[in-house]
Amino acid sequence: MKVHYNQNDNTLMVELIRKKVDHAYETETMIVHVSKDNEPVLLEIFNASAFLAEEAKTLPEEIKQRYFA
């Protein structure tokens, strides 16, 4: 898995697997690129800083302290 953050666009790109992208689905918060077999390949997360802040609320306290302190 590869992760890249674009600060100018505030987008987070998460490459889940190395496969050719066939098509994509757009939601309110992201674009999900999928393979011919409909397998998620790449996620483009919009407004990444807010998304991560919200998701961090669900992390166990131990992980928050270790990685976000």
C-alpha atoms as a PDB file:
ATOM      1  CA  MET A   1       0.000   0.000   0.000  1.00  0.00           C
ATOM      2  CA  LYS A   2       1.211   3.491  -0.870  1.00  0.00           C
ATOM      3  CA  VAL A   3      -0.082   6.741   0.583  1.00  0.00           C
ATOM      4  CA  HIS A   4       0.454  10.259  -0.757  1.00  0.00           C
ATOM      5  CA  TYR A   5      -0.909  13.540   0.609  1.00  0.00           C
ATOM      6  CA  ASN A   6      -1.248  16.586  -1.666  1.00  0.00           C
ATOM      7  CA  GLN A   7      -1.216  19.632   0.580  1.00  0.00           C
ATOM      8  CA  ASN A   8      -2.310  22.053  -2.169  1.00  0.00           C
ATOM      9  CA  ASP A   9      -5.499  20.098  -2.886  1.00  0.00           C
ATOM     10  CA  ASN A  10      -5.855  18.615   0.614  1.00  0.00           C
ATOM     11  CA  THR A  11      -6.345  15.174  -0.940  1.00  0.00           C
ATOM     12  CA  LEU A  12      -5.068  11.838   0.272  1.00  0.00           C
ATOM     13  CA  MET A  13      -4.283   9.166  -2.311  1.00  0.00           C
ATOM     14  CA  VAL A  14      -4.225   5.592  -1.017  1.00  0.00           C
ATOM     15  CA  GLU A  15      -3.075   2.942  -3.471  1.00  0.00           C
ATOM     16  CA  LEU A  16      -4.452  -0.313  -2.117  1.00  0.00           C
ATOM     17  CA  ILE A  17      -3.148  -2.713  -4.765  1.00  0.00           C
ATOM     18  CA  ARG A  18      -1.141  -2.522  -7.979  1.00  0.00           C
ATOM     19  CA  LYS A  19      -3.710  -3.251 -10.656  1.00  0.00           C
ATOM     20  CA  LYS A  20      -4.945  -1.462 -13.733  1.00  0.00           C
ATOM     21  CA  VAL A  21      -7.857   0.882 -13.050  1.00  0.00           C
ATOM     22  CA  ASP A  22     -10.915   0.167 -15.174  1.00  0.00           C
ATOM     23  CA  HIS A  23     -13.363   2.772 -13.865  1.00  0.00           C
ATOM     24  CA  ALA A  24     -14.172   4.927 -10.832  1.00  0.00           C
ATOM     25  CA  TYR A  25     -17.047   5.828  -8.538  1.00  0.00           C
ATOM     26  CA  GLU A  26     -17.338   9.263  -6.978  1.00  0.00           C
ATOM     27  CA  THR A  27     -18.987   9.859  -3.626  1.00  0.00           C
ATOM     28  CA  GLU A  28     -19.314  13.021  -1.590  1.00  0.00           C
ATOM     29  CA  THR A  29     -15.994  12.406   0.185  1.00  0.00           C
ATOM     30  CA  MET A  30     -13.870  10.412  -2.269  1.00  0.00           C
ATOM     31  CA  ILE A  31     -13.287   8.774  -5.610  1.00  0.00           C
ATOM     32  CA  VAL A  32     -12.854   4.998  -5.567  1.00  0.00           C
ATOM     33  CA  HIS A  33     -10.919   3.664  -8.555  1.00  0.00           C
ATOM     34  CA  VAL A  34     -11.649  -0.013  -9.224  1.00  0.00           C
ATOM     35  CA  SER A  35     -10.260  -2.797 -11.389  1.00  0.00           C
ATOM     36  CA  LYS A  36     -12.096  -4.698 -14.096  1.00  0.00           C
ATOM     37  CA  ASP A  37     -13.216  -7.112 -11.338  1.00  0.00           C
ATOM     38  CA  ASN A  38     -14.627  -4.192  -9.281  1.00  0.00           C
ATOM     39  CA  GLU A  39     -11.785  -4.512  -6.776  1.00  0.00           C
ATOM     40  CA  PRO A  40     -10.789  -1.200  -5.085  1.00  0.00           C
ATOM     41  CA  VAL A  41      -7.387  -0.116  -6.407  1.00  0.00           C
ATOM     42  CA  LEU A  42      -7.005   3.539  -5.418  1.00  0.00           C
ATOM     43  CA  LEU A  43      -8.831   5.920  -3.081  1.00  0.00           C
ATOM     44  CA  GLU A  44      -8.746   9.706  -3.584  1.00  0.00           C
ATOM     45  CA  ILE A  45     -10.012  11.230  -0.359  1.00  0.00           C
ATOM     46  CA  PHE A  46     -11.200  14.856  -0.571  1.00  0.00           C
ATOM     47  CA  ASN A  47     -10.732  17.300   2.325  1.00  0.00           C
ATOM     48  CA  ALA A  48      -8.283  14.807   3.797  1.00  0.00           C
ATOM     49  CA  SER A  49      -7.366  16.765   6.929  1.00  0.00           C
ATOM     50  CA  ALA A  50     -11.004  16.869   8.091  1.00  0.00           C
ATOM     51  CA  PHE A  51     -11.549  13.239   7.073  1.00  0.00           C
ATOM     52  CA  LEU A  52      -8.529  12.078   9.077  1.00  0.00           C
ATOM     53  CA  ALA A  53      -9.454  14.211  12.090  1.00  0.00           C
ATOM     54  CA  GLU A  54     -12.922  12.633  12.127  1.00  0.00           C
ATOM     55  CA  GLU A  55     -11.598   9.099  11.646  1.00  0.00           C
ATOM     56  CA  ALA A  56      -8.973   9.606  14.370  1.00  0.00           C
ATOM     57  CA  LYS A  57     -11.796   9.951  16.898  1.00  0.00           C
ATOM     58  CA  THR A  58     -12.537   6.240  16.513  1.00  0.00           C
ATOM     59  CA  LEU A  59      -8.954   5.089  17.116  1.00  0.00           C
ATOM     60  CA  PRO A  60      -8.018   3.474  20.424  1.00  0.00           C
ATOM     61  CA  GLU A  61      -6.327   5.880  22.846  1.00  0.00           C
ATOM     62  CA  GLU A  62      -3.060   3.897  22.742  1.00  0.00           C
ATOM     63  CA  ILE A  63      -2.717   4.385  18.995  1.00  0.00           C
ATOM     64  CA  LYS A  64      -3.594   8.092  19.217  1.00  0.00           C
ATOM     65  CA  GLN A  65      -0.851   8.643  21.786  1.00  0.00           C
ATOM     66  CA  ARG A  66       1.720   6.634  19.872  1.00  0.00           C
ATOM     67  CA  TYR A  67       1.208   8.163  16.415  1.00  0.00           C
ATOM     68  CA  PHE A  68      -0.492  11.503  16.907  1.00  0.00           C
ATOM     69  CA  ALA A  69       1.118  12.877  20.065  1.00  0.00           C
END
